[in-house]
C-alpha atoms as a PDB file:
ATOM      1  CA  MET A   1     -16.377  -0.626   3.905  1.00  0.00           C
ATOM      2  CA  GLY A   2     -19.476  -1.756   2.029  1.00  0.00           C
ATOM      3  CA  GLN A   3     -20.465   1.852   1.413  1.00  0.00           C
ATOM      4  CA  VAL A   4     -17.017   2.634   0.013  1.00  0.00           C
ATOM      5  CA  SER A   5     -16.979  -0.330  -2.377  1.00  0.00           C
ATOM      6  CA  ALA A   6     -20.627  -0.002  -3.502  1.00  0.00           C
ATOM      7  CA  PRO A   7     -19.904   1.781  -6.845  1.00  0.00           C
ATOM      8  CA  VAL A   8     -17.522  -0.982  -7.964  1.00  0.00           C
ATOM      9  CA  VAL A   9     -19.022  -4.169  -6.492  1.00  0.00           C
ATOM     10  CA  GLU A  10     -19.456  -5.805  -9.895  1.00  0.00           C
ATOM     11  CA  ASP A  11     -16.018  -4.634 -11.027  1.00  0.00           C
ATOM     12  CA  MET A  12     -14.443  -6.159  -7.905  1.00  0.00           C
ATOM     13  CA  ASP A  13     -16.215  -9.482  -8.517  1.00  0.00           C
ATOM     14  CA  ILE A  14     -14.704  -9.607 -12.005  1.00  0.00           C
ATOM     15  CA  CYS A  15     -11.295  -8.721 -10.568  1.00  0.00           C
ATOM     16  CA  ARG A  16     -11.437 -11.475  -7.943  1.00  0.00           C
ATOM     17  CA  GLN A  17     -12.391 -14.107 -10.504  1.00  0.00           C
ATOM     18  CA  ASN A  18      -9.652 -13.050 -12.898  1.00  0.00           C
ATOM     19  CA  LEU A  19      -7.087 -13.208 -10.092  1.00  0.00           C
ATOM     20  CA  LEU A  20      -8.109 -16.772  -9.238  1.00  0.00           C
ATOM     21  CA  ASN A  21      -7.744 -17.722 -12.912  1.00  0.00           C
ATOM     22  CA  VAL A  22      -4.390 -16.021 -13.431  1.00  0.00           C
ATOM     23  CA  VAL A  23      -2.250 -19.115 -12.913  1.00  0.00           C
ATOM     24  CA  GLY A  24      -4.397 -21.451 -14.978  1.00  0.00           C
ATOM     25  CA  GLU A  25      -3.415 -25.112 -15.102  1.00  0.00           C
ATOM     26  CA  ARG A  26       0.334 -24.702 -15.548  1.00  0.00           C
ATOM     27  CA  HIS A  27       1.379 -26.603 -12.452  1.00  0.00           C
ATOM     28  CA  PRO A  28      -0.803 -28.146  -9.722  1.00  0.00           C
ATOM     29  CA  MET A  29       1.352 -26.998  -6.806  1.00  0.00           C
ATOM     30  CA  LEU A  30       1.682 -23.462  -8.129  1.00  0.00           C
ATOM     31  CA  LEU A  31      -2.066 -23.400  -8.764  1.00  0.00           C
ATOM     32  CA  ALA A  32      -2.693 -24.528  -5.178  1.00  0.00           C
ATOM     33  CA  ALA A  33      -0.367 -21.813  -3.904  1.00  0.00           C
ATOM     34  CA  ALA A  34      -2.127 -19.177  -6.012  1.00  0.00           C
ATOM     35  CA  ASN A  35      -5.525 -20.292  -4.744  1.00  0.00           C
ATOM     36  CA  GLN A  36      -4.222 -20.007  -1.191  1.00  0.00           C
ATOM     37  CA  ILE A  37      -2.918 -16.511  -1.910  1.00  0.00           C
ATOM     38  CA  PHE A  38      -5.998 -15.074  -3.620  1.00  0.00           C
ATOM     39  CA  SER A  39      -8.531 -16.875  -1.434  1.00  0.00           C
ATOM     40  CA  ALA A  40      -7.010 -15.674   1.835  1.00  0.00           C
ATOM     41  CA  GLY A  41      -9.358 -12.750   2.218  1.00  0.00           C
ATOM     42  CA  GLY A  42      -8.205  -9.189   2.780  1.00  0.00           C
ATOM     43  CA  LYS A  43      -9.894  -5.968   1.736  1.00  0.00           C
ATOM     44  CA  ARG A  44      -8.157  -5.756  -1.658  1.00  0.00           C
ATOM     45  CA  LEU A  45      -7.833  -1.998  -1.176  1.00  0.00           C
ATOM     46  CA  ARG A  46      -5.463  -1.507  -4.098  1.00  0.00           C
ATOM     47  CA  PRO A  47      -7.711  -2.796  -6.895  1.00  0.00           C
ATOM     48  CA  LEU A  48     -10.643  -1.142  -5.116  1.00  0.00           C
ATOM     49  CA  ILE A  49      -8.924   2.247  -5.228  1.00  0.00           C
ATOM     50  CA  VAL A  50      -7.885   1.749  -8.875  1.00  0.00           C
ATOM     51  CA  LEU A  51     -11.444   0.948  -9.918  1.00  0.00           C
ATOM     52  CA  LEU A  52     -12.857   3.864  -7.924  1.00  0.00           C
ATOM     53  CA  VAL A  53     -10.373   6.259  -9.542  1.00  0.00           C
ATOM     54  CA  ALA A  54     -11.287   4.804 -12.945  1.00  0.00           C
ATOM     55  CA  ARG A  55     -14.994   5.385 -12.344  1.00  0.00           C
ATOM     56  CA  ALA A  56     -14.357   8.840 -10.887  1.00  0.00           C
ATOM     57  CA  THR A  57     -12.217  10.034 -13.810  1.00  0.00           C
ATOM     58  CA  PHE A  58     -13.718   8.538 -16.976  1.00  0.00           C
ATOM     59  CA  PRO A  59     -16.631  11.065 -17.078  1.00  0.00           C
ATOM     60  CA  LEU A  60     -14.069  13.892 -17.397  1.00  0.00           C
ATOM     61  CA  THR A  61     -13.176  12.908 -20.948  1.00  0.00           C
ATOM     62  CA  GLY A  62     -16.492  11.623 -22.247  1.00  0.00           C
ATOM     63  CA  LEU A  63     -15.816   7.879 -22.040  1.00  0.00           C
ATOM     64  CA  SER A  64     -18.977   5.805 -21.808  1.00  0.00           C
ATOM     65  CA  ASP A  65     -17.548   3.425 -19.201  1.00  0.00           C
ATOM     66  CA  ILE A  66     -14.303   2.175 -17.739  1.00  0.00           C
ATOM     67  CA  THR A  67     -12.193   0.066 -20.081  1.00  0.00           C
ATOM     68  CA  GLU A  68     -10.606  -3.369 -19.968  1.00  0.00           C
ATOM     69  CA  ARG A  69      -7.277  -1.652 -19.409  1.00  0.00           C
ATOM     70  CA  HIS A  70      -8.667  -0.164 -16.188  1.00  0.00           C
ATOM     71  CA  ARG A  71      -9.699  -3.648 -15.081  1.00  0.00           C
ATOM     72  CA  ARG A  72      -6.342  -5.173 -15.946  1.00  0.00           C
ATOM     73  CA  LEU A  73      -4.562  -2.381 -14.079  1.00  0.00           C
ATOM     74  CA  ALA A  74      -6.583  -3.222 -10.958  1.00  0.00           C
ATOM     75  CA  GLU A  75      -5.553  -6.873 -11.267  1.00  0.00           C
ATOM     76  CA  ILE A  76      -1.900  -5.934 -11.780  1.00  0.00           C
ATOM     77  CA  SER A  77      -1.932  -3.779  -8.644  1.00  0.00           C
ATOM     78  CA  GLU A  78      -3.222  -6.668  -6.524  1.00  0.00           C
ATOM     79  CA  MET A  79      -0.803  -9.152  -8.101  1.00  0.00           C
ATOM     80  CA  LEU A  80       2.172  -6.906  -7.366  1.00  0.00           C
ATOM     81  CA  HIS A  81       1.017  -6.288  -3.817  1.00  0.00           C
ATOM     82  CA  THR A  82       0.404  -9.982  -3.206  1.00  0.00           C
ATOM     83  CA  ALA A  83       3.769 -10.960  -4.694  1.00  0.00           C
ATOM     84  CA  SER A  84       5.484  -8.543  -2.328  1.00  0.00           C
ATOM     85  CA  LEU A  85       3.577 -10.029   0.635  1.00  0.00           C
ATOM     86  CA  VAL A  86       4.580 -13.570  -0.321  1.00  0.00           C
ATOM     87  CA  HIS A  87       8.235 -12.567  -0.418  1.00  0.00           C
ATOM     88  CA  ASP A  88       7.825 -10.573   2.817  1.00  0.00           C
ATOM     89  CA  ASP A  89       6.461 -13.668   4.550  1.00  0.00           C
ATOM     90  CA  VAL A  90       9.515 -15.627   3.432  1.00  0.00           C
ATOM     91  CA  LEU A  91      11.937 -12.952   4.651  1.00  0.00           C
ATOM     92  CA  ASP A  92      10.096 -12.512   7.960  1.00  0.00           C
ATOM     93  CA  GLU A  93       9.397 -16.247   8.384  1.00  0.00           C
ATOM     94  CA  CYS A  94       5.687 -15.552   8.936  1.00  0.00           C
ATOM     95  CA  ASP A  95       3.315 -18.474   9.399  1.00  0.00           C
ATOM     96  CA  VAL A  96      -0.018 -16.634   9.184  1.00  0.00           C
ATOM     97  CA  ARG A  97      -1.324 -13.955   6.823  1.00  0.00           C
ATOM     98  CA  ARG A  98      -4.915 -12.630   6.841  1.00  0.00           C
ATOM     99  CA  GLY A  99      -5.869 -15.314   9.308  1.00  0.00           C
ATOM    100  CA  LYS A 100      -4.647 -18.185   7.126  1.00  0.00           C
ATOM    101  CA  GLU A 101      -1.424 -20.108   6.838  1.00  0.00           C
ATOM    102  CA  THR A 102       1.108 -18.513   4.519  1.00  0.00           C
ATOM    103  CA  VAL A 103       2.347 -20.167   1.341  1.00  0.00           C
ATOM    104  CA  ASN A 104       5.798 -20.717   2.824  1.00  0.00           C
ATOM    105  CA  SER A 105       4.349 -22.456   5.891  1.00  0.00           C
ATOM    106  CA  LEU A 106       2.187 -24.740   3.721  1.00  0.00           C
ATOM    107  CA  TYR A 107       4.473 -25.481   0.776  1.00  0.00           C
ATOM    108  CA  GLY A 108       7.931 -24.391   1.876  1.00  0.00           C
ATOM    109  CA  THR A 109      10.192 -21.482   1.090  1.00  0.00           C
ATOM    110  CA  ARG A 110      11.083 -22.631  -2.424  1.00  0.00           C
ATOM    111  CA  VAL A 111       7.468 -22.757  -3.644  1.00  0.00           C
ATOM    112  CA  ALA A 112       6.687 -19.442  -1.925  1.00  0.00           C
ATOM    113  CA  VAL A 113       9.602 -17.700  -3.637  1.00  0.00           C
ATOM    114  CA  LEU A 114       8.603 -19.187  -6.995  1.00  0.00           C
ATOM    115  CA  ALA A 115       4.967 -18.181  -6.473  1.00  0.00           C
ATOM    116  CA  GLY A 116       6.021 -14.604  -5.720  1.00  0.00           C
ATOM    117  CA  ASP A 117       8.364 -14.575  -8.707  1.00  0.00           C
ATOM    118  CA  PHE A 118       5.582 -15.907 -10.934  1.00  0.00           C
ATOM    119  CA  LEU A 119       3.197 -13.159  -9.834  1.00  0.00           C
ATOM    120  CA  PHE A 120       5.826 -10.478 -10.456  1.00  0.00           C
ATOM    121  CA  ALA A 121       6.565 -11.938 -13.900  1.00  0.00           C
ATOM    122  CA  GLN A 122       2.899 -12.368 -14.823  1.00  0.00           C
ATOM    123  CA  SER A 123       2.031  -8.843 -13.737  1.00  0.00           C
ATOM    124  CA  SER A 124       4.950  -7.532 -15.826  1.00  0.00           C
ATOM    125  CA  TRP A 125       3.606  -9.415 -18.848  1.00  0.00           C
ATOM    126  CA  PHE A 126       0.118  -8.000 -18.309  1.00  0.00           C
ATOM    127  CA  LEU A 127       1.650  -4.553 -17.891  1.00  0.00           C
ATOM    128  CA  ALA A 128       3.548  -4.771 -21.173  1.00  0.00           C
ATOM    129  CA  ASN A 129       0.339  -5.748 -22.964  1.00  0.00           C
ATOM    130  CA  LEU A 130      -1.423  -2.618 -21.758  1.00  0.00           C
ATOM    131  CA  ASP A 131       0.618  -0.898 -24.480  1.00  0.00           C
ATOM    132  CA  ASN A 132       1.009   2.461 -22.734  1.00  0.00           C
ATOM    133  CA  MET A 133       4.562   3.627 -22.129  1.00  0.00           C
ATOM    134  CA  GLU A 134       3.648   6.141 -19.409  1.00  0.00           C
ATOM    135  CA  VAL A 135       1.862   3.471 -17.376  1.00  0.00           C
ATOM    136  CA  ILE A 136       4.627   0.937 -18.006  1.00  0.00           C
ATOM    137  CA  LYS A 137       7.184   3.388 -16.605  1.00  0.00           C
ATOM    138  CA  LEU A 138       5.012   4.243 -13.599  1.00  0.00           C
ATOM    139  CA  ILE A 139       4.339   0.655 -12.558  1.00  0.00           C
ATOM    140  CA  SER A 140       7.859  -0.562 -13.373  1.00  0.00           C
ATOM    141  CA  GLN A 141       9.202   2.024 -10.934  1.00  0.00           C
ATOM    142  CA  VAL A 142       6.967   0.477  -8.273  1.00  0.00           C
ATOM    143  CA  ILE A 143       8.763  -2.866  -8.602  1.00  0.00           C
ATOM    144  CA  ALA A 144      12.099  -1.114  -8.078  1.00  0.00           C
ATOM    145  CA  ASP A 145      10.611   0.751  -5.099  1.00  0.00           C
ATOM    146  CA  PHE A 146       9.638  -2.558  -3.475  1.00  0.00           C
ATOM    147  CA  ALA A 147      13.275  -3.615  -3.511  1.00  0.00           C
ATOM    148  CA  ASP A 148      14.413  -0.229  -2.191  1.00  0.00           C
ATOM    149  CA  GLY A 149      11.896  -0.502   0.638  1.00  0.00           C
ATOM    150  CA  GLU A 150      12.999  -3.984   1.651  1.00  0.00           C
ATOM    151  CA  ILE A 151      16.673  -2.995   1.608  1.00  0.00           C
ATOM    152  CA  SER A 152      15.951   0.158   3.618  1.00  0.00           C
ATOM    153  CA  GLN A 153      13.922  -1.830   6.147  1.00  0.00           C
ATOM    154  CA  ALA A 154      16.601  -4.486   6.519  1.00  0.00           C
ATOM    155  CA  ALA A 155      19.243  -1.792   7.041  1.00  0.00           C
ATOM    156  CA  SER A 156      17.234  -0.065   9.784  1.00  0.00           C
ATOM    157  CA  LEU A 157      16.063  -3.031  11.858  1.00  0.00           C
ATOM    158  CA  PHE A 158      15.921  -1.925  15.501  1.00  0.00           C
ATOM    159  CA  ASP A 159      17.630   1.360  14.590  1.00  0.00           C
ATOM    160  CA  ALA A 160      16.449   3.769  17.285  1.00  0.00           C
ATOM    161  CA  TYR A 161      17.904   6.818  15.523  1.00  0.00           C
ATOM    162  CA  ILE A 162      16.366   6.584  12.061  1.00  0.00           C
ATOM    163  CA  ASP A 163      14.949   9.995  11.136  1.00  0.00           C
ATOM    164  CA  LEU A 164      11.413  10.650   9.976  1.00  0.00           C
ATOM    165  CA  ARG A 165      12.350  11.300   6.351  1.00  0.00           C
ATOM    166  CA  ARG A 166      14.039   7.903   6.005  1.00  0.00           C
ATOM    167  CA  TYR A 167      11.174   6.196   7.817  1.00  0.00           C
ATOM    168  CA  LEU A 168       8.566   7.720   5.498  1.00  0.00           C
ATOM    169  CA  ASP A 169      10.677   7.041   2.419  1.00  0.00           C
ATOM    170  CA  LYS A 170      10.801   3.363   3.388  1.00  0.00           C
ATOM    171  CA  SER A 171       7.036   3.356   3.935  1.00  0.00           C
ATOM    172  CA  PHE A 172       6.488   5.035   0.561  1.00  0.00           C
ATOM    173  CA  TRP A 173       8.613   2.483  -1.270  1.00  0.00           C
ATOM    174  CA  LYS A 174       6.961  -0.492   0.425  1.00  0.00           C
ATOM    175  CA  THR A 175       3.333   0.668   0.325  1.00  0.00           C
ATOM    176  CA  ALA A 176       2.430   4.069  -1.073  1.00  0.00           C
ATOM    177  CA  SER A 177       4.369   3.867  -4.346  1.00  0.00           C
ATOM    178  CA  LEU A 178       2.059   1.198  -5.767  1.00  0.00           C
ATOM    179  CA  ILE A 179      -1.097   3.055  -4.744  1.00  0.00           C
ATOM    180  CA  ALA A 180       0.121   6.395  -6.116  1.00  0.00           C
ATOM    181  CA  ALA A 181       1.297   4.935  -9.436  1.00  0.00           C
ATOM    182  CA  SER A 182      -1.879   2.883  -9.861  1.00  0.00           C
ATOM    183  CA  CYS A 183      -4.112   5.915  -9.256  1.00  0.00           C
ATOM    184  CA  ARG A 184      -2.170   7.989 -11.761  1.00  0.00           C
ATOM    185  CA  SER A 185      -2.271   5.135 -14.269  1.00  0.00           C
ATOM    186  CA  ALA A 186      -6.043   4.793 -13.894  1.00  0.00           C
ATOM    187  CA  ALA A 187      -6.379   8.493 -14.761  1.00  0.00           C
ATOM    188  CA  VAL A 188      -4.148   7.948 -17.807  1.00  0.00           C
ATOM    189  CA  PHE A 189      -6.447   5.173 -19.040  1.00  0.00           C
ATOM    190  CA  SER A 190      -9.383   7.562 -18.617  1.00  0.00           C
ATOM    191  CA  ASP A 191      -7.546   9.788 -21.130  1.00  0.00           C
ATOM    192  CA  CYS A 192      -6.925  12.432 -18.484  1.00  0.00           C
ATOM    193  CA  ASP A 193      -3.886  14.550 -19.266  1.00  0.00           C
ATOM    194  CA  THR A 194      -1.966  14.401 -15.995  1.00  0.00           C
ATOM    195  CA  GLU A 195       0.056  17.518 -16.822  1.00  0.00           C
ATOM    196  CA  ALA A 196      -2.189  19.905 -18.799  1.00  0.00           C
ATOM    197  CA  ARG A 197      -5.899  19.589 -18.018  1.00  0.00           C
ATOM    198  CA  PRO A 198      -9.043  21.174 -19.443  1.00  0.00           C
ATOM    199  CA  PRO A 199     -10.084  24.587 -18.040  1.00  0.00           C
ATOM    200  CA  ASN A 200     -11.615  24.436 -14.553  1.00  0.00           C
ATOM    201  CA  ARG A 201     -10.511  20.807 -14.285  1.00  0.00           C
ATOM    202  CA  SER A 202      -7.226  21.320 -12.500  1.00  0.00           C
ATOM    203  CA  CYS A 203      -6.648  17.955 -10.839  1.00  0.00           C
ATOM    204  CA  SER A 204      -3.683  16.963  -8.775  1.00  0.00           C
ATOM    205  CA  LEU A 205      -2.623  13.351  -9.180  1.00  0.00           C
ATOM    206  CA  PRO A 206       0.978  13.405  -7.947  1.00  0.00           C
ATOM    207  CA  PRO A 207       3.320  10.494  -8.607  1.00  0.00           C
ATOM    208  CA  ARG A 208       4.558  10.742  -5.010  1.00  0.00           C
ATOM    209  CA  LEU A 209       3.010  11.631  -1.679  1.00  0.00           C
ATOM    210  CA  PRO A 210       3.653  15.208  -0.509  1.00  0.00           C
ATOM    211  CA  PRO A 211       6.697  15.264   1.764  1.00  0.00           C
ATOM    212  CA  PRO A 212       5.922  16.042   5.421  1.00  0.00           C
ATOM    213  CA  ARG A 213       7.800  18.658   7.338  1.00  0.00           C
ATOM    214  CA  ARG A 214      11.028  17.504   8.967  1.00  0.00           C
ATOM    215  CA  VAL A 215      10.771  16.733  12.678  1.00  0.00           C
ATOM    216  CA  ALA A 216      13.580  15.827  15.047  1.00  0.00           C
ATOM    217  CA  LEU A 217      13.198  12.430  16.674  1.00  0.00           C
ATOM    218  CA  PRO A 218      14.651  11.073  19.904  1.00  0.00           C
ATOM    219  CA  ALA A 219      13.865   7.408  19.275  1.00  0.00           C
ATOM    220  CA  HIS A 220      11.036   5.307  17.876  1.00  0.00           C
ATOM    221  CA  LEU A 221      10.121   1.808  17.136  1.00  0.00           C
ATOM    222  CA  ALA A 222      11.789   0.704  13.935  1.00  0.00           C
ATOM    223  CA  GLY A 223      12.096  -2.578  12.097  1.00  0.00           C
ATOM    224  CA  ARG A 224       9.525  -4.887  10.613  1.00  0.00           C
ATOM    225  CA  CYS A 225       6.488  -3.316  12.298  1.00  0.00           C
ATOM    226  CA  PRO A 226       5.081  -0.057  10.818  1.00  0.00           C
ATOM    227  CA  TRP A 227       4.447   1.608  14.180  1.00  0.00           C
ATOM    228  CA  PRO A 228       4.194   5.428  14.332  1.00  0.00           C
ATOM    229  CA  PRO A 229       7.398   7.188  15.270  1.00  0.00           C
ATOM    230  CA  LEU A 230       7.596   9.639  18.122  1.00  0.00           C
ATOM    231  CA  LEU A 231       7.068  12.949  16.332  1.00  0.00           C
ATOM    232  CA  ARG A 232       8.403  15.284  18.987  1.00  0.00           C
ATOM    233  CA  ARG A 233      11.200  15.319  21.540  1.00  0.00           C
ATOM    234  CA  VAL A 234      10.083  13.447  24.629  1.00  0.00           C
ATOM    235  CA  GLN A 235       9.729  15.721  27.653  1.00  0.00           C
ATOM    236  CA  ASP A 236      10.229  12.914  30.147  1.00  0.00           C
ATOM    237  CA  GLU A 237      13.778  11.634  29.748  1.00  0.00           C
ATOM    238  CA  MET A 238      12.771   8.307  31.283  1.00  0.00           C
ATOM    239  CA  VAL A 239      10.351   7.692  28.443  1.00  0.00           C
ATOM    240  CA  GLY A 240      13.058   8.189  25.826  1.00  0.00           C
ATOM    241  CA  ASP A 241      15.642   6.132  27.701  1.00  0.00           C
ATOM    242  CA  GLY A 242      13.167   3.365  28.452  1.00  0.00           C
ATOM    243  CA  LEU A 243      12.068   3.087  24.844  1.00  0.00           C
ATOM    244  CA  LEU A 244      15.651   3.124  23.641  1.00  0.00           C
ATOM    245  CA  GLN A 245      16.526   0.220  25.944  1.00  0.00           C
ATOM    246  CA  LEU A 246      13.549  -1.795  24.701  1.00  0.00           C
ATOM    247  CA  ILE A 247      14.522  -1.242  21.079  1.00  0.00           C
ATOM    248  CA  GLN A 248      18.138  -2.142  21.695  1.00  0.00           C
ATOM    249  CA  GLY A 249      16.963  -5.269  23.511  1.00  0.00           C
ATOM    250  CA  ARG A 250      14.865  -6.178  20.429  1.00  0.00           C
ATOM    251  CA  PHE A 251      11.782  -6.744  22.599  1.00  0.00           C
ATOM    252  CA  LYS A 252      13.025 -10.171  23.692  1.00  0.00           C
ATOM    253  CA  GLU A 253      11.900  -9.877  27.309  1.00  0.00           C
ATOM    254  CA  GLU A 254       8.324 -10.844  28.132  1.00  0.00           C
ATOM    255  CA  GLY A 255       6.033  -7.811  28.174  1.00  0.00           C
ATOM    256  CA  SER A 256       8.576  -5.557  26.462  1.00  0.00           C
ATOM    257  CA  LEU A 257       6.405  -5.011  23.371  1.00  0.00           C
ATOM    258  CA  GLN A 258       3.411  -3.854  25.415  1.00  0.00           C
ATOM    259  CA  ARG A 259       5.645  -1.572  27.461  1.00  0.00           C
ATOM    260  CA  ALA A 260       7.074  -0.047  24.286  1.00  0.00           C
ATOM    261  CA  LEU A 261       3.595   0.696  22.983  1.00  0.00           C
ATOM    262  CA  GLU A 262       2.730   2.382  26.273  1.00  0.00           C
ATOM    263  CA  LEU A 263       5.845   4.556  26.034  1.00  0.00           C
ATOM    264  CA  VAL A 264       5.062   5.532  22.449  1.00  0.00           C
ATOM    265  CA  SER A 265       1.609   6.668  23.568  1.00  0.00           C
ATOM    266  CA  LEU A 266       2.986   8.427  26.657  1.00  0.00           C
ATOM    267  CA  GLY A 267       5.548  10.270  24.542  1.00  0.00           C
ATOM    268  CA  GLY A 268       2.853  11.643  22.237  1.00  0.00           C
ATOM    269  CA  GLY A 269       3.857   9.530  19.240  1.00  0.00           C
ATOM    270  CA  ILE A 270       0.414   8.172  18.380  1.00  0.00           C
ATOM    271  CA  ASP A 271      -1.301  11.563  18.625  1.00  0.00           C
ATOM    272  CA  LYS A 272       1.376  13.232  16.505  1.00  0.00           C
ATOM    273  CA  ALA A 273       1.237  10.421  13.944  1.00  0.00           C
ATOM    274  CA  ARG A 274      -2.536  10.859  13.686  1.00  0.00           C
ATOM    275  CA  THR A 275      -2.044  14.584  13.131  1.00  0.00           C
ATOM    276  CA  LEU A 276       0.412  13.913  10.314  1.00  0.00           C
ATOM    277  CA  ALA A 277      -1.974  11.369   8.799  1.00  0.00           C
ATOM    278  CA  ARG A 278      -4.805  13.905   8.953  1.00  0.00           C
ATOM    279  CA  GLU A 279      -2.664  16.439   7.097  1.00  0.00           C
ATOM    280  CA  GLN A 280      -1.986  13.902   4.360  1.00  0.00           C
ATOM    281  CA  GLY A 281      -5.667  12.967   4.286  1.00  0.00           C
ATOM    282  CA  ASP A 282      -6.657  16.595   3.762  1.00  0.00           C
ATOM    283  CA  LEU A 283      -4.237  16.808   0.835  1.00  0.00           C
ATOM    284  CA  ALA A 284      -5.826  13.687  -0.644  1.00  0.00           C
ATOM    285  CA  LEU A 285      -9.308  15.202  -0.310  1.00  0.00           C
ATOM    286  CA  ALA A 286      -8.119  18.429  -1.945  1.00  0.00           C
ATOM    287  CA  SER A 287      -6.799  16.460  -4.932  1.00  0.00           C
ATOM    288  CA  LEU A 288     -10.304  15.057  -5.541  1.00  0.00           C
ATOM    289  CA  ALA A 289     -11.940  18.482  -5.764  1.00  0.00           C
ATOM    290  CA  CYS A 290     -11.600  18.615  -9.555  1.00  0.00           C
ATOM    291  CA  LEU A 291     -13.683  15.475 -10.093  1.00  0.00           C
ATOM    292  CA  PRO A 292     -17.420  15.533 -10.843  1.00  0.00           C
ATOM    293  CA  ASP A 293     -19.762  14.560  -8.029  1.00  0.00           C
ATOM    294  CA  THR A 294     -20.249  10.841  -8.580  1.00  0.00           C
ATOM    295  CA  PRO A 295     -20.685   7.821  -6.282  1.00  0.00           C
ATOM    296  CA  ALA A 296     -17.074   6.847  -7.043  1.00  0.00           C
ATOM    297  CA  LYS A 297     -15.751  10.244  -5.970  1.00  0.00           C
ATOM    298  CA  ARG A 298     -17.776  10.120  -2.764  1.00  0.00           C
ATOM    299  CA  SER A 299     -16.372   6.662  -2.050  1.00  0.00           C
ATOM    300  CA  LEU A 300     -12.833   7.959  -2.489  1.00  0.00           C
ATOM    301  CA  GLU A 301     -13.604  10.715   0.011  1.00  0.00           C
ATOM    302  CA  LEU A 302     -14.990   8.137   2.440  1.00  0.00           C
ATOM    303  CA  MET A 303     -11.847   6.067   1.899  1.00  0.00           C
ATOM    304  CA  VAL A 304      -9.773   8.823   3.501  1.00  0.00           C
ATOM    305  CA  ASP A 305     -11.808   8.674   6.713  1.00  0.00           C
ATOM    306  CA  LEU A 306     -11.746   4.885   6.628  1.00  0.00           C
ATOM    307  CA  VAL A 307      -7.946   4.839   6.503  1.00  0.00           C
ATOM    308  CA  LEU A 308      -7.597   7.499   9.215  1.00  0.00           C
ATOM    309  CA  GLU A 309      -9.947   5.711  11.597  1.00  0.00           C
ATOM    310  CA  ARG A 310      -8.668   2.199  10.900  1.00  0.00           C
ATOM    311  CA  LEU A 311      -7.571   0.332  13.999  1.00  0.00           C
ATOM    312  CA  TYR A 312      -4.654  -2.110  13.874  1.00  0.00           C
END
């Protein structure tokens, strides 16, 4: 991870400090909650990716360096992500996040909801002050996508028959939408024309992830946990039936979660999910081909392998 973040170490330090200062002295309890949120560790992948894209794209148009708008965009991306996590913890009644107690466990649900609302509102204010309508539209859509993702997830809790398209749509709304929109916005602030580009500089910075091929599913783990679905029909009927029973039982029996994971692996779900992830990773690498060879570009390429090899 250190090798990936090396080109933007100083930028990330500035980002972290600005995030800690975002609340200011408005209210002691809210300030304490914000400090808990932004001091809780985590890799801060979203601002990292934004800053790497900024440093990888600004040479294309002759800028001398990244701008303050790039930096603010990185902060907005982390604020939006963090706000969504705070609200997620309330909905899921989580007590621990990133190895530390959550805001709702320390200060109660009311303060946690208000802290999340404040971060959404503050990020919206920062966004408006970036004074770029294309970026405002891109990031505003992300906030709507968060809500769509939560509603979709709530509607499919322990649904053993959700298809792959719906599963990936939910994952896009909850996670990928923010990353995709932030990357595209960083290119906008580098003055890159995201539709018509200079000759021999044909970049691909799509607003959405490429849709995977449709695959029929027998059953897979659904609900609050982003486990990989089974991406082929299970040959052993007992595997499919056993997994279905565990899902319908909502993993309440002792050892049921471990057994479900074993069945997912036995049914080929993890291997097939890795194959799909590799396909998406190759598309991501192809989209970077237009960029000049810089440390930031090389870090973005390394980021793909980091994500694909990450263990949960």
